[in-house]
Amino acid sequence: MSSNAIIDFNSRELTFEAFEGIFKLDKTFVGTENYLGLAYFWAMEYKHYLRDCSMAKRRKIHKKWLQAGLDLTGISNHHLSIIETVLDGVTLPTGFTVKKGKSNG
């Protein structure tokens, strides 16, 4: 069953306790199709790409890594290629714009 429900995690209406509960729940969803896009699942190597991107982009990368049979905490050219494909053209808070095939990874 899929849902189009929208939750604004930046809302002032969401308490810290509620966010923390949802974050803890999402940690249990890492590695499953239920992953929400909040919890961390990646190796430190990719933190600058994934920690500040949108929940939707994180979900997409998570899904693609699972489909490719990749270890979610692994490091490889294949991991990076998927990140670059999903984030192609996205400018990160550091000012770096992700370009497919242009990283030093």
PDB file of N, CA and C in Angstrom:
ATOM      1  N   MET A   1       0.851  -1.177   0.000  1.00  0.00           N
ATOM      2  CA  MET A   1       0.000   0.000   0.000  1.00  0.00           C
ATOM      3  C   MET A   1       0.895   1.237   0.000  1.00  0.00           C
ATOM      4  N   SER A   2       0.633   2.165  -0.881  1.00  0.00           N
ATOM      5  CA  SER A   2       1.420   3.389  -0.889  1.00  0.00           C
ATOM      6  C   SER A   2       0.547   4.558  -0.457  1.00  0.00           C
ATOM      7  N   SER A   3       1.226   5.619  -0.044  1.00  0.00           N
ATOM      8  CA  SER A   3       0.511   6.789   0.446  1.00  0.00           C
ATOM      9  C   SER A   3       1.139   8.037  -0.125  1.00  0.00           C
ATOM     10  N   ASN A   4       0.352   9.044  -0.313  1.00  0.00           N
ATOM     11  CA  ASN A   4       0.840  10.338  -0.760  1.00  0.00           C
ATOM     12  C   ASN A   4       0.815  11.349   0.374  1.00  0.00           C
ATOM     13  N   ALA A   5       0.800  10.857   1.602  1.00  0.00           N
ATOM     14  CA  ALA A   5       0.763  11.742   2.763  1.00  0.00           C
ATOM     15  C   ALA A   5       2.006  12.618   2.793  1.00  0.00           C
ATOM     16  N   ILE A   6       1.827  13.857   3.181  1.00  0.00           N
ATOM     17  CA  ILE A   6       2.942  14.800   3.272  1.00  0.00           C
ATOM     18  C   ILE A   6       3.098  15.222   4.725  1.00  0.00           C
ATOM     19  N   ILE A   7       4.302  15.082   5.221  1.00  0.00           N
ATOM     20  CA  ILE A   7       4.613  15.519   6.581  1.00  0.00           C
ATOM     21  C   ILE A   7       5.694  16.588   6.464  1.00  0.00           C
ATOM     22  N   ASP A   8       5.444  17.751   7.031  1.00  0.00           N
ATOM     23  CA  ASP A   8       6.427  18.839   7.002  1.00  0.00           C
ATOM     24  C   ASP A   8       7.299  18.732   8.243  1.00  0.00           C
ATOM     25  N   PHE A   9       8.494  18.158   8.082  1.00  0.00           N
ATOM     26  CA  PHE A   9       9.385  17.977   9.215  1.00  0.00           C
ATOM     27  C   PHE A   9      10.074  19.268   9.629  1.00  0.00           C
ATOM     28  N   ASN A  10       9.878  20.328   8.861  1.00  0.00           N
ATOM     29  CA  ASN A  10      10.437  21.629   9.226  1.00  0.00           C
ATOM     30  C   ASN A  10       9.396  22.495   9.936  1.00  0.00           C
ATOM     31  N   SER A  11       8.219  21.956  10.100  1.00  0.00           N
ATOM     32  CA  SER A  11       7.128  22.707  10.709  1.00  0.00           C
ATOM     33  C   SER A  11       7.401  22.984  12.181  1.00  0.00           C
ATOM     34  N   ARG A  12       7.012  24.158  12.626  1.00  0.00           N
ATOM     35  CA  ARG A  12       7.123  24.493  14.052  1.00  0.00           C
ATOM     36  C   ARG A  12       6.097  23.721  14.871  1.00  0.00           C
ATOM     37  N   GLU A  13       5.157  23.109  14.183  1.00  0.00           N
ATOM     38  CA  GLU A  13       4.124  22.335  14.862  1.00  0.00           C
ATOM     39  C   GLU A  13       4.623  20.961  15.290  1.00  0.00           C
ATOM     40  N   LEU A  14       5.722  20.487  14.706  1.00  0.00           N
ATOM     41  CA  LEU A  14       6.281  19.177  15.032  1.00  0.00           C
ATOM     42  C   LEU A  14       7.228  19.343  16.217  1.00  0.00           C
ATOM     43  N   THR A  15       6.896  18.704  17.314  1.00  0.00           N
ATOM     44  CA  THR A  15       7.734  18.819  18.505  1.00  0.00           C
ATOM     45  C   THR A  15       9.023  18.027  18.337  1.00  0.00           C
ATOM     46  N   PHE A  16      10.023  18.357  19.152  1.00  0.00           N
ATOM     47  CA  PHE A  16      11.279  17.617  19.133  1.00  0.00           C
ATOM     48  C   PHE A  16      11.029  16.149  19.448  1.00  0.00           C
ATOM     49  N   GLU A  17      10.162  15.898  20.418  1.00  0.00           N
ATOM     50  CA  GLU A  17       9.860  14.517  20.814  1.00  0.00           C
ATOM     51  C   GLU A  17       9.222  13.746  19.669  1.00  0.00           C
ATOM     52  N   ALA A  18       8.342  14.386  18.917  1.00  0.00           N
ATOM     53  CA  ALA A  18       7.707  13.735  17.772  1.00  0.00           C
ATOM     54  C   ALA A  18       8.745  13.438  16.694  1.00  0.00           C
ATOM     55  N   PHE A  19       9.595  14.425  16.401  1.00  0.00           N
ATOM     56  CA  PHE A  19      10.642  14.209  15.395  1.00  0.00           C
ATOM     57  C   PHE A  19      11.565  13.078  15.828  1.00  0.00           C
ATOM     58  N   GLU A  20      11.983  13.084  17.077  1.00  0.00           N
ATOM     59  CA  GLU A  20      12.880  12.049  17.582  1.00  0.00           C
ATOM     60  C   GLU A  20      12.245  10.661  17.465  1.00  0.00           C
ATOM     61  N   GLY A  21      10.963  10.567  17.758  1.00  0.00           N
ATOM     62  CA  GLY A  21      10.257   9.291  17.636  1.00  0.00           C
ATOM     63  C   GLY A  21      10.204   8.800  16.202  1.00  0.00           C
ATOM     64  N   ILE A  22       9.928   9.718  15.272  1.00  0.00           N
ATOM     65  CA  ILE A  22       9.872   9.357  13.857  1.00  0.00           C
ATOM     66  C   ILE A  22      11.268   8.973  13.359  1.00  0.00           C
ATOM     67  N   PHE A  23      12.300   9.703  13.805  1.00  0.00           N
ATOM     68  CA  PHE A  23      13.673   9.395  13.411  1.00  0.00           C
ATOM     69  C   PHE A  23      14.057   7.992  13.887  1.00  0.00           C
ATOM     70  N   LYS A  24      13.728   7.677  15.134  1.00  0.00           N
ATOM     71  CA  LYS A  24      14.042   6.339  15.675  1.00  0.00           C
ATOM     72  C   LYS A  24      13.297   5.256  14.896  1.00  0.00           C
ATOM     73  N   LEU A  25      12.051   5.518  14.561  1.00  0.00           N
ATOM     74  CA  LEU A  25      11.285   4.569  13.759  1.00  0.00           C
ATOM     75  C   LEU A  25      11.949   4.372  12.397  1.00  0.00           C
ATOM     76  N   ASP A  26      12.365   5.475  11.777  1.00  0.00           N
ATOM     77  CA  ASP A  26      12.977   5.379  10.453  1.00  0.00           C
ATOM     78  C   ASP A  26      14.272   4.576  10.494  1.00  0.00           C
ATOM     79  N   LYS A  27      15.000   4.633  11.604  1.00  0.00           N
ATOM     80  CA  LYS A  27      16.217   3.825  11.735  1.00  0.00           C
ATOM     81  C   LYS A  27      15.888   2.341  11.601  1.00  0.00           C
ATOM     82  N   THR A  28      14.702   1.946  12.061  1.00  0.00           N
ATOM     83  CA  THR A  28      14.302   0.541  11.927  1.00  0.00           C
ATOM     84  C   THR A  28      13.899   0.210  10.491  1.00  0.00           C
ATOM     85  N   PHE A  29      13.627   1.228   9.689  1.00  0.00           N
ATOM     86  CA  PHE A  29      13.226   1.034   8.299  1.00  0.00           C
ATOM     87  C   PHE A  29      14.410   1.013   7.326  1.00  0.00           C
ATOM     88  N   VAL A  30      15.606   1.370   7.791  1.00  0.00           N
ATOM     89  CA  VAL A  30      16.782   1.341   6.915  1.00  0.00           C
ATOM     90  C   VAL A  30      16.956  -0.081   6.398  1.00  0.00           C
ATOM     91  N   GLY A  31      17.131  -0.201   5.090  1.00  0.00           N
ATOM     92  CA  GLY A  31      17.284  -1.505   4.456  1.00  0.00           C
ATOM     93  C   GLY A  31      15.974  -2.111   3.999  1.00  0.00           C
ATOM     94  N   THR A  32      14.880  -1.354   4.167  1.00  0.00           N
ATOM     95  CA  THR A  32      13.563  -1.844   3.741  1.00  0.00           C
ATOM     96  C   THR A  32      12.903  -0.813   2.825  1.00  0.00           C
ATOM     97  N   GLU A  33      11.837  -1.226   2.175  1.00  0.00           N
ATOM     98  CA  GLU A  33      11.103  -0.300   1.307  1.00  0.00           C
ATOM     99  C   GLU A  33      10.327   0.741   2.109  1.00  0.00           C
ATOM    100  N   ASN A  34      10.278   0.594   3.420  1.00  0.00           N
ATOM    101  CA  ASN A  34       9.563   1.540   4.281  1.00  0.00           C
ATOM    102  C   ASN A  34      10.400   2.747   4.693  1.00  0.00           C
ATOM    103  N   TYR A  35      11.681   2.785   4.308  1.00  0.00           N
ATOM    104  CA  TYR A  35      12.565   3.879   4.688  1.00  0.00           C
ATOM    105  C   TYR A  35      11.939   5.220   4.312  1.00  0.00           C
ATOM    106  N   LEU A  36      11.927   6.156   5.270  1.00  0.00           N
ATOM    107  CA  LEU A  36      11.283   7.463   5.083  1.00  0.00           C
ATOM    108  C   LEU A  36      12.213   8.548   4.552  1.00  0.00           C
ATOM    109  N   GLY A  37      13.511   8.382   4.746  1.00  0.00           N
ATOM    110  CA  GLY A  37      14.445   9.401   4.277  1.00  0.00           C
ATOM    111  C   GLY A  37      15.018  10.269   5.373  1.00  0.00           C
ATOM    112  N   LEU A  38      14.780   9.924   6.636  1.00  0.00           N
ATOM    113  CA  LEU A  38      15.310  10.709   7.755  1.00  0.00           C
ATOM    114  C   LEU A  38      16.608  10.122   8.314  1.00  0.00           C
ATOM    115  N   ALA A  39      16.595   8.842   8.600  1.00  0.00           N
ATOM    116  CA  ALA A  39      17.726   8.197   9.281  1.00  0.00           C
ATOM    117  C   ALA A  39      18.936   8.079   8.359  1.00  0.00           C
ATOM    118  N   TYR A  40      20.108   8.097   8.984  1.00  0.00           N
ATOM    119  CA  TYR A  40      21.357   7.934   8.238  1.00  0.00           C
ATOM    120  C   TYR A  40      21.570   6.463   7.932  1.00  0.00           C
ATOM    121  N   PHE A  41      22.026   6.169   6.723  1.00  0.00           N
ATOM    122  CA  PHE A  41      22.301   4.782   6.342  1.00  0.00           C
ATOM    123  C   PHE A  41      23.618   4.637   5.588  1.00  0.00           C
ATOM    124  N   TRP A  42      24.330   5.714   5.339  1.00  0.00           N
ATOM    125  CA  TRP A  42      25.482   5.722   4.453  1.00  0.00           C
ATOM    126  C   TRP A  42      26.802   5.778   5.211  1.00  0.00           C
ATOM    127  N   ALA A  43      27.870   5.434   4.502  1.00  0.00           N
ATOM    128  CA  ALA A  43      29.228   5.532   5.040  1.00  0.00           C
ATOM    129  C   ALA A  43      29.629   7.002   5.145  1.00  0.00           C
ATOM    130  N   MET A  44      30.545   7.280   6.046  1.00  0.00           N
ATOM    131  CA  MET A  44      31.031   8.655   6.244  1.00  0.00           C
ATOM    132  C   MET A  44      31.516   9.284   4.931  1.00  0.00           C
ATOM    133  N   GLU A  45      32.006   8.474   4.046  1.00  0.00           N
ATOM    134  CA  GLU A  45      32.511   8.929   2.745  1.00  0.00           C
ATOM    135  C   GLU A  45      31.471   9.782   1.998  1.00  0.00           C
ATOM    136  N   TYR A  46      30.201   9.503   2.224  1.00  0.00           N
ATOM    137  CA  TYR A  46      29.129  10.151   1.467  1.00  0.00           C
ATOM    138  C   TYR A  46      28.323  11.158   2.274  1.00  0.00           C
ATOM    139  N   LYS A  47      28.786  11.470   3.493  1.00  0.00           N
ATOM    140  CA  LYS A  47      27.990  12.356   4.350  1.00  0.00           C
ATOM    141  C   LYS A  47      27.763  13.730   3.738  1.00  0.00           C
ATOM    142  N   HIS A  48      28.743  14.263   3.009  1.00  0.00           N
ATOM    143  CA  HIS A  48      28.586  15.607   2.445  1.00  0.00           C
ATOM    144  C   HIS A  48      27.574  15.632   1.308  1.00  0.00           C
ATOM    145  N   TYR A  49      27.330  14.497   0.706  1.00  0.00           N
ATOM    146  CA  TYR A  49      26.294  14.408  -0.320  1.00  0.00           C
ATOM    147  C   TYR A  49      24.901  14.213   0.301  1.00  0.00           C
ATOM    148  N   LEU A  50      24.818  13.341   1.296  1.00  0.00           N
ATOM    149  CA  LEU A  50      23.508  12.860   1.732  1.00  0.00           C
ATOM    150  C   LEU A  50      22.913  13.528   2.966  1.00  0.00           C
ATOM    151  N   ARG A  51      23.725  14.071   3.837  1.00  0.00           N
ATOM    152  CA  ARG A  51      23.141  14.593   5.080  1.00  0.00           C
ATOM    153  C   ARG A  51      22.265  15.817   4.845  1.00  0.00           C
ATOM    154  N   ASP A  52      22.549  16.599   3.819  1.00  0.00           N
ATOM    155  CA  ASP A  52      21.783  17.826   3.588  1.00  0.00           C
ATOM    156  C   ASP A  52      20.872  17.762   2.367  1.00  0.00           C
ATOM    157  N   CYS A  53      20.806  16.620   1.696  1.00  0.00           N
ATOM    158  CA  CYS A  53      19.898  16.548   0.544  1.00  0.00           C
ATOM    159  C   CYS A  53      18.481  16.239   1.041  1.00  0.00           C
ATOM    160  N   SER A  54      17.537  16.314   0.167  1.00  0.00           N
ATOM    161  CA  SER A  54      16.133  16.130   0.564  1.00  0.00           C
ATOM    162  C   SER A  54      15.846  14.684   0.959  1.00  0.00           C
ATOM    163  N   MET A  55      14.785  14.521   1.721  1.00  0.00           N
ATOM    164  CA  MET A  55      14.347  13.178   2.113  1.00  0.00           C
ATOM    165  C   MET A  55      14.028  12.351   0.864  1.00  0.00           C
ATOM    166  N   ALA A  56      13.425  12.974  -0.118  1.00  0.00           N
ATOM    167  CA  ALA A  56      13.060  12.261  -1.347  1.00  0.00           C
ATOM    168  C   ALA A  56      14.311  11.745  -2.064  1.00  0.00           C
ATOM    169  N   LYS A  57      15.344  12.567  -2.117  1.00  0.00           N
ATOM    170  CA  LYS A  57      16.601  12.139  -2.770  1.00  0.00           C
ATOM    171  C   LYS A  57      17.249  11.016  -1.966  1.00  0.00           C
ATOM    172  N   ARG A  58      17.229  11.121  -0.647  1.00  0.00           N
ATOM    173  CA  ARG A  58      17.786  10.040   0.179  1.00  0.00           C
ATOM    174  C   ARG A  58      17.031   8.735  -0.048  1.00  0.00           C
ATOM    175  N   ARG A  59      15.698   8.827  -0.096  1.00  0.00           N
ATOM    176  CA  ARG A  59      14.897   7.615  -0.339  1.00  0.00           C
ATOM    177  C   ARG A  59      15.244   7.004  -1.689  1.00  0.00           C
ATOM    178  N   LYS A  60      15.412   7.849  -2.688  1.00  0.00           N
ATOM    179  CA  LYS A  60      15.726   7.358  -4.034  1.00  0.00           C
ATOM    180  C   LYS A  60      17.088   6.663  -4.059  1.00  0.00           C
ATOM    181  N   ILE A  61      18.086   7.262  -3.422  1.00  0.00           N
ATOM    182  CA  ILE A  61      19.423   6.656  -3.363  1.00  0.00           C
ATOM    183  C   ILE A  61      19.372   5.346  -2.584  1.00  0.00           C
ATOM    184  N   HIS A  62      18.689   5.354  -1.454  1.00  0.00           N
ATOM    185  CA  HIS A  62      18.522   4.149  -0.629  1.00  0.00           C
ATOM    186  C   HIS A  62      17.905   3.024  -1.470  1.00  0.00           C
ATOM    187  N   LYS A  63      16.841   3.334  -2.180  1.00  0.00           N
ATOM    188  CA  LYS A  63      16.149   2.348  -3.001  1.00  0.00           C
ATOM    189  C   LYS A  63      17.061   1.812  -4.106  1.00  0.00           C
ATOM    190  N   LYS A  64      17.768   2.704  -4.777  1.00  0.00           N
ATOM    191  CA  LYS A  64      18.653   2.284  -5.868  1.00  0.00           C
ATOM    192  C   LYS A  64      19.810   1.431  -5.352  1.00  0.00           C
ATOM    193  N   TRP A  65      20.360   1.779  -4.188  1.00  0.00           N
ATOM    194  CA  TRP A  65      21.427   0.953  -3.613  1.00  0.00           C
ATOM    195  C   TRP A  65      20.896  -0.439  -3.280  1.00  0.00           C
ATOM    196  N   LEU A  66      19.697  -0.513  -2.715  1.00  0.00           N
ATOM    197  CA  LEU A  66      19.103  -1.816  -2.408  1.00  0.00           C
ATOM    198  C   LEU A  66      18.872  -2.620  -3.682  1.00  0.00           C
ATOM    199  N   GLN A  67      18.316  -1.972  -4.703  1.00  0.00           N
ATOM    200  CA  GLN A  67      18.059  -2.658  -5.971  1.00  0.00           C
ATOM    201  C   GLN A  67      19.342  -3.181  -6.606  1.00  0.00           C
ATOM    202  N   ALA A  68      20.446  -2.451  -6.390  1.00  0.00           N
ATOM    203  CA  ALA A  68      21.740  -2.852  -6.952  1.00  0.00           C
ATOM    204  C   ALA A  68      22.442  -3.896  -6.078  1.00  0.00           C
ATOM    205  N   GLY A  69      21.847  -4.203  -4.937  1.00  0.00           N
ATOM    206  CA  GLY A  69      22.449  -5.184  -4.034  1.00  0.00           C
ATOM    207  C   GLY A  69      23.674  -4.661  -3.301  1.00  0.00           C
ATOM    208  N   LEU A  70      23.760  -3.337  -3.158  1.00  0.00           N
ATOM    209  CA  LEU A  70      24.911  -2.719  -2.497  1.00  0.00           C
ATOM    210  C   LEU A  70      24.748  -2.720  -0.982  1.00  0.00           C
ATOM    211  N   ASP A  71      25.860  -2.870  -0.285  1.00  0.00           N
ATOM    212  CA  ASP A  71      25.892  -2.719   1.168  1.00  0.00           C
ATOM    213  C   ASP A  71      25.629  -1.242   1.453  1.00  0.00           C
ATOM    214  N   LEU A  72      24.611  -0.951   2.254  1.00  0.00           N
ATOM    215  CA  LEU A  72      24.242   0.446   2.512  1.00  0.00           C
ATOM    216  C   LEU A  72      25.351   1.232   3.194  1.00  0.00           C
ATOM    217  N   THR A  73      26.245   0.567   3.899  1.00  0.00           N
ATOM    218  CA  THR A  73      27.341   1.274   4.562  1.00  0.00           C
ATOM    219  C   THR A  73      28.658   1.114   3.791  1.00  0.00           C
ATOM    220  N   GLY A  74      28.572   0.587   2.594  1.00  0.00           N
ATOM    221  CA  GLY A  74      29.764   0.349   1.788  1.00  0.00           C
ATOM    222  C   GLY A  74      30.221   1.585   1.033  1.00  0.00           C
ATOM    223  N   ILE A  75      31.406   1.457   0.451  1.00  0.00           N
ATOM    224  CA  ILE A  75      32.017   2.525  -0.346  1.00  0.00           C
ATOM    225  C   ILE A  75      32.492   1.902  -1.649  1.00  0.00           C
ATOM    226  N   SER A  76      32.021   2.434  -2.773  1.00  0.00           N
ATOM    227  CA  SER A  76      32.460   1.927  -4.069  1.00  0.00           C
ATOM    228  C   SER A  76      32.152   2.953  -5.157  1.00  0.00           C
ATOM    229  N   ASN A  77      32.701   2.730  -6.321  1.00  0.00           N
ATOM    230  CA  ASN A  77      32.388   3.592  -7.461  1.00  0.00           C
ATOM    231  C   ASN A  77      30.907   3.486  -7.820  1.00  0.00           C
ATOM    232  N   HIS A  78      30.324   2.300  -7.622  1.00  0.00           N
ATOM    233  CA  HIS A  78      28.908   2.111  -7.925  1.00  0.00           C
ATOM    234  C   HIS A  78      28.036   2.935  -6.979  1.00  0.00           C
ATOM    235  N   HIS A  79      28.375   2.947  -5.695  1.00  0.00           N
ATOM    236  CA  HIS A  79      27.644   3.786  -4.727  1.00  0.00           C
ATOM    237  C   HIS A  79      27.671   5.247  -5.192  1.00  0.00           C
ATOM    238  N   LEU A  80      28.873   5.722  -5.489  1.00  0.00           N
ATOM    239  CA  LEU A  80      29.043   7.122  -5.876  1.00  0.00           C
ATOM    240  C   LEU A  80      28.336   7.432  -7.187  1.00  0.00           C
ATOM    241  N   SER A  81      28.368   6.509  -8.120  1.00  0.00           N
ATOM    242  CA  SER A  81      27.700   6.715  -9.400  1.00  0.00           C
ATOM    243  C   SER A  81      26.197   6.918  -9.208  1.00  0.00           C
ATOM    244  N   ILE A  82      25.603   6.148  -8.316  1.00  0.00           N
ATOM    245  CA  ILE A  82      24.164   6.292  -8.039  1.00  0.00           C
ATOM    246  C   ILE A  82      23.888   7.638  -7.374  1.00  0.00           C
ATOM    247  N   ILE A  83      24.725   8.024  -6.419  1.00  0.00           N
ATOM    248  CA  ILE A  83      24.564   9.335  -5.774  1.00  0.00           C
ATOM    249  C   ILE A  83      24.625  10.437  -6.819  1.00  0.00           C
ATOM    250  N   GLU A  84      25.630  10.377  -7.686  1.00  0.00           N
ATOM    251  CA  GLU A  84      25.801  11.420  -8.706  1.00  0.00           C
ATOM    252  C   GLU A  84      24.637  11.449  -9.690  1.00  0.00           C
ATOM    253  N   THR A  85      24.104  10.293 -10.025  1.00  0.00           N
ATOM    254  CA  THR A  85      22.966  10.238 -10.946  1.00  0.00           C
ATOM    255  C   THR A  85      21.734  10.878 -10.315  1.00  0.00           C
ATOM    256  N   VAL A  86      21.468  10.549  -9.068  1.00  0.00           N
ATOM    257  CA  VAL A  86      20.274  11.074  -8.376  1.00  0.00           C
ATOM    258  C   VAL A  86      20.430  12.565  -8.068  1.00  0.00           C
ATOM    259  N   LEU A  87      21.628  12.981  -7.685  1.00  0.00           N
ATOM    260  CA  LEU A  87      21.842  14.377  -7.277  1.00  0.00           C
ATOM    261  C   LEU A  87      22.395  15.257  -8.394  1.00  0.00           C
ATOM    262  N   ASP A  88      22.476  14.757  -9.606  1.00  0.00           N
ATOM    263  CA  ASP A  88      23.041  15.523 -10.725  1.00  0.00           C
ATOM    264  C   ASP A  88      22.383  16.897 -10.832  1.00  0.00           C
ATOM    265  N   GLY A  89      23.201  17.937 -10.755  1.00  0.00           N
ATOM    266  CA  GLY A  89      22.714  19.308 -10.860  1.00  0.00           C
ATOM    267  C   GLY A  89      22.307  19.940  -9.542  1.00  0.00           C
ATOM    268  N   VAL A  90      22.284  19.169  -8.455  1.00  0.00           N
ATOM    269  CA  VAL A  90      21.902  19.696  -7.143  1.00  0.00           C
ATOM    270  C   VAL A  90      23.088  20.438  -6.524  1.00  0.00           C
ATOM    271  N   THR A  91      22.854  21.647  -6.039  1.00  0.00           N
ATOM    272  CA  THR A  91      23.881  22.400  -5.328  1.00  0.00           C
ATOM    273  C   THR A  91      23.701  22.154  -3.836  1.00  0.00           C
ATOM    274  N   LEU A  92      24.736  21.625  -3.221  1.00  0.00           N
ATOM    275  CA  LEU A  92      24.720  21.308  -1.793  1.00  0.00           C
ATOM    276  C   LEU A  92      24.982  22.566  -0.975  1.00  0.00           C
ATOM    277  N   PRO A  93      24.630  22.571   0.319  1.00  0.00           N
ATOM    278  CA  PRO A  93      24.852  23.745   1.166  1.00  0.00           C
ATOM    279  C   PRO A  93      26.309  24.223   1.190  1.00  0.00           C
ATOM    280  N   THR A  94      27.240  23.341   0.892  1.00  0.00           N
ATOM    281  CA  THR A  94      28.652  23.719   0.845  1.00  0.00           C
ATOM    282  C   THR A  94      28.973  24.558  -0.390  1.00  0.00           C
ATOM    283  N   GLY A  95      28.010  24.635  -1.329  1.00  0.00           N
ATOM    284  CA  GLY A  95      28.222  25.376  -2.567  1.00  0.00           C
ATOM    285  C   GLY A  95      28.658  24.486  -3.720  1.00  0.00           C
ATOM    286  N   PHE A  96      28.941  23.217  -3.426  1.00  0.00           N
ATOM    287  CA  PHE A  96      29.353  22.254  -4.448  1.00  0.00           C
ATOM    288  C   PHE A  96      28.137  21.774  -5.222  1.00  0.00           C
ATOM    289  N   THR A  97      28.208  21.852  -6.552  1.00  0.00           N
ATOM    290  CA  THR A  97      27.130  21.342  -7.392  1.00  0.00           C
ATOM    291  C   THR A  97      27.529  19.965  -7.891  1.00  0.00           C
ATOM    292  N   VAL A  98      26.688  18.985  -7.623  1.00  0.00           N
ATOM    293  CA  VAL A  98      26.961  17.606  -8.027  1.00  0.00           C
ATOM    294  C   VAL A  98      26.786  17.469  -9.519  1.00  0.00           C
ATOM    295  N   LYS A  99      27.778  16.894 -10.164  1.00  0.00           N
ATOM    296  CA  LYS A  99      27.739  16.637 -11.606  1.00  0.00           C
ATOM    297  C   LYS A  99      28.033  15.164 -11.813  1.00  0.00           C
ATOM    298  N   LYS A 100      27.212  14.511 -12.568  1.00  0.00           N
ATOM    299  CA  LYS A 100      27.395  13.091 -12.828  1.00  0.00           C
ATOM    300  C   LYS A 100      28.762  12.843 -13.467  1.00  0.00           C
ATOM    301  N   GLY A 101      29.535  11.949 -12.825  1.00  0.00           N
ATOM    302  CA  GLY A 101      30.844  11.572 -13.360  1.00  0.00           C
ATOM    303  C   GLY A 101      31.951  12.585 -13.165  1.00  0.00           C
ATOM    304  N   LYS A 102      31.715  13.606 -12.338  1.00  0.00           N
ATOM    305  CA  LYS A 102      32.717  14.676 -12.178  1.00  0.00           C
ATOM    306  C   LYS A 102      33.350  14.744 -10.800  1.00  0.00           C
ATOM    307  N   SER A 103      33.024  13.811  -9.898  1.00  0.00           N
ATOM    308  CA  SER A 103      33.596  13.890  -8.545  1.00  0.00           C
ATOM    309  C   SER A 103      34.957  13.237  -8.520  1.00  0.00           C
ATOM    310  N   ASN A 104      35.624  13.429  -7.404  1.00  0.00           N
ATOM    311  CA  ASN A 104      36.940  12.845  -7.224  1.00  0.00           C
ATOM    312  C   ASN A 104      36.868  11.484  -6.557  1.00  0.00           C
ATOM    313  N   GLY A 105      35.631  10.975  -6.286  1.00  0.00           N
ATOM    314  CA  GLY A 105      35.434   9.706  -5.609  1.00  0.00           C
ATOM    315  C   GLY A 105      35.812   8.587  -6.465  1.00  0.00           C
TER     316      GLY A 105
END
